[in-house]
């Protein structure tokens, strides 16, 4: 035991040093809360938007902005600081050549490309046909574009690389509109005896300036006069341009064609306050649908709760009360007439098949469930706003790593309960630490090789791979081992009844019991499938998801449904003298993952019907497989642990020897 304690102490020291180094490397503005870190700009102060990866709903494979022949900035391309979540999402934020002067309307010339080569023309046409969007950011606000269709105006982020009519045309002129809110702050000089702020008249405009509360663009394709453009230098002023309607005035994508890029910017005063500037992005239609989902789940919960109520109060309690009122001789006579769940009293706690795998999956399920609950709670409180790119994914990873101590503790506690002792707990702890992360890492590695082959920004660099492995082995694994070690020192859980030496034969059933297990997963799926649609849309269709309050309610309802379904199914199995309830209790609620995966395929076929390419399909299926596995471990663990408590409570009331 002494070498293991030395290893734990060494791991804790390494964890501390590693975390300190991460804090030193982390950017100061890595954490962002809506309504904080407001920045004001003075008039004519120069600001510059940034460019993000090119994205498309046709392929779901991101590419860097400068992979196309766009104008580079004067000082060269510089990457902005990225957190772990941004890297995993495929974001690559670079500086851009566009420059604005606050509250000054201007028009500028950027550059003219060299004659396009055949490779550049092919790439531009390919990105145009695949509907790739250019994404830009100003003061942490994504650029928005408004589209009018059938008299209805829609807002979307980004603008297209080009468009196709009689031939392919490139977007080479941008009309930016920046919404400004004039800010007049106050400076507190002193506080009176009653805590009231005392402000002098001369200090009222100390913090005056402009806040950026909106960023919009109108993309145009304009065929410029190359002779006139060749005389200009970058940032020379030009005249404002009206977007042409005629195709002969648009810039086609042709070999040996030179393309001139220009832009103009106008600043408009707005009444939008800075804390409300993200409302336009986070506005999600369908609130009634969310409420419908919650009400539908409540109906299912009350229905299942009624069944559980009948089981406990009318059946179990009645039998136990009747049994306890009998004298010793009558009890002995009743023992011979027992039926149903009371007959398996000597087998109900018999060791299940593959007990190590069960402990490993339950341990990982606890870790995933804890991560999900903590992440959604923090997100619902506003700590993980979409305004801070990648923070939600970064938070999920960090919560998962530190909850390794819970997974190790629960997994080894279950191992001790099944085996009656802690022997072999180190092997189980290592398996818990490596089971789900190992599968996820293997799938992500295969997908990453595909992205590398496509030269996509979604491909993780080796440095990020090394960082993920370091986080895994220096934080998650030691904490899982520590949790397992603490479980070996915890109080031993005793079964309430003894197990017979010879196993009781399970009566034959007309239908396989696993059919009922698979069918039970439909009830938890009915609780979450509506919210699942919005989540998949935010992931694959680029929509912002910010109704974490609804998601938190749905999560609570899902936990309740999983618990009720597993308890009911476990009781039904025991009533037909089937004492092999362990795995069935796990998969009764865990089988919801099968329906989630099938729904993901349905979403791919009907909602992402335009998705093209084998790499895109493999990306979608790979990520869906990881999601389904995580859901199976989480929901299965919830159902199993509640069923274990139910069975333990049920047979602790039985006095049969």
Foldseek 3Di string as FASTA:
>chain_A
DVVVVVVLVVLVVVVVVVVVVVVVVDDPPLFDFQPPPFDFAAFQDKFFKKWKWWAFLQARFTARPVVAPDFAAPVGKDWDDDDLLCLLSLITIITGNDMDTPQDWFKWWADKDFFAAPVNLVVLQVQQVRFIFIWIATPLRIAKEWDADPNDIDIDGGHTQWYADVHIFGFFEKEKEWEKEWDWAFDFDDADPVRDGDGDPVRRRVPTGIGTLHIYIDTAFFDDDVVVSVVDHGGDTDDDDDHDPDPVGGGGRDGRDMDIHMYIYHYDYDPDDRSCSCVVQADDPDPVVLVVLLVVLVVLLVVLVVVVCCCVPVPLVVVLVVLVPDDPVVNVVVLVVDAFLVVCLQPLLAQAPPLLVLLLLLLLLVLLQQLVLVLLVCLLVRRDFVSSPSPSVVSSVVSSLQCLLVSLQSSQLSVCQNVVANPPSVVSLQCSLCPLVVLLVVLLVVLLVVSVVVNGSSRRDVVSVVVSVCSSVSGNSSSSVNSNVVNNVDDRDYFLGHHDPDHDDQDDDPDDLVVLLLVLQVSLCSSCVSVVVVVVCCSSVVGGHRPSVSVSSSSVSSLSSLQSQLQVSLSVCRRSVNSNSQVSQLSSNLSNLVVQLVVLVVCCVPVSVSHDDPSSVSVSNSVSVSVSSSSSSNSSSSRNVSNVVVVRVSSSSDDDD
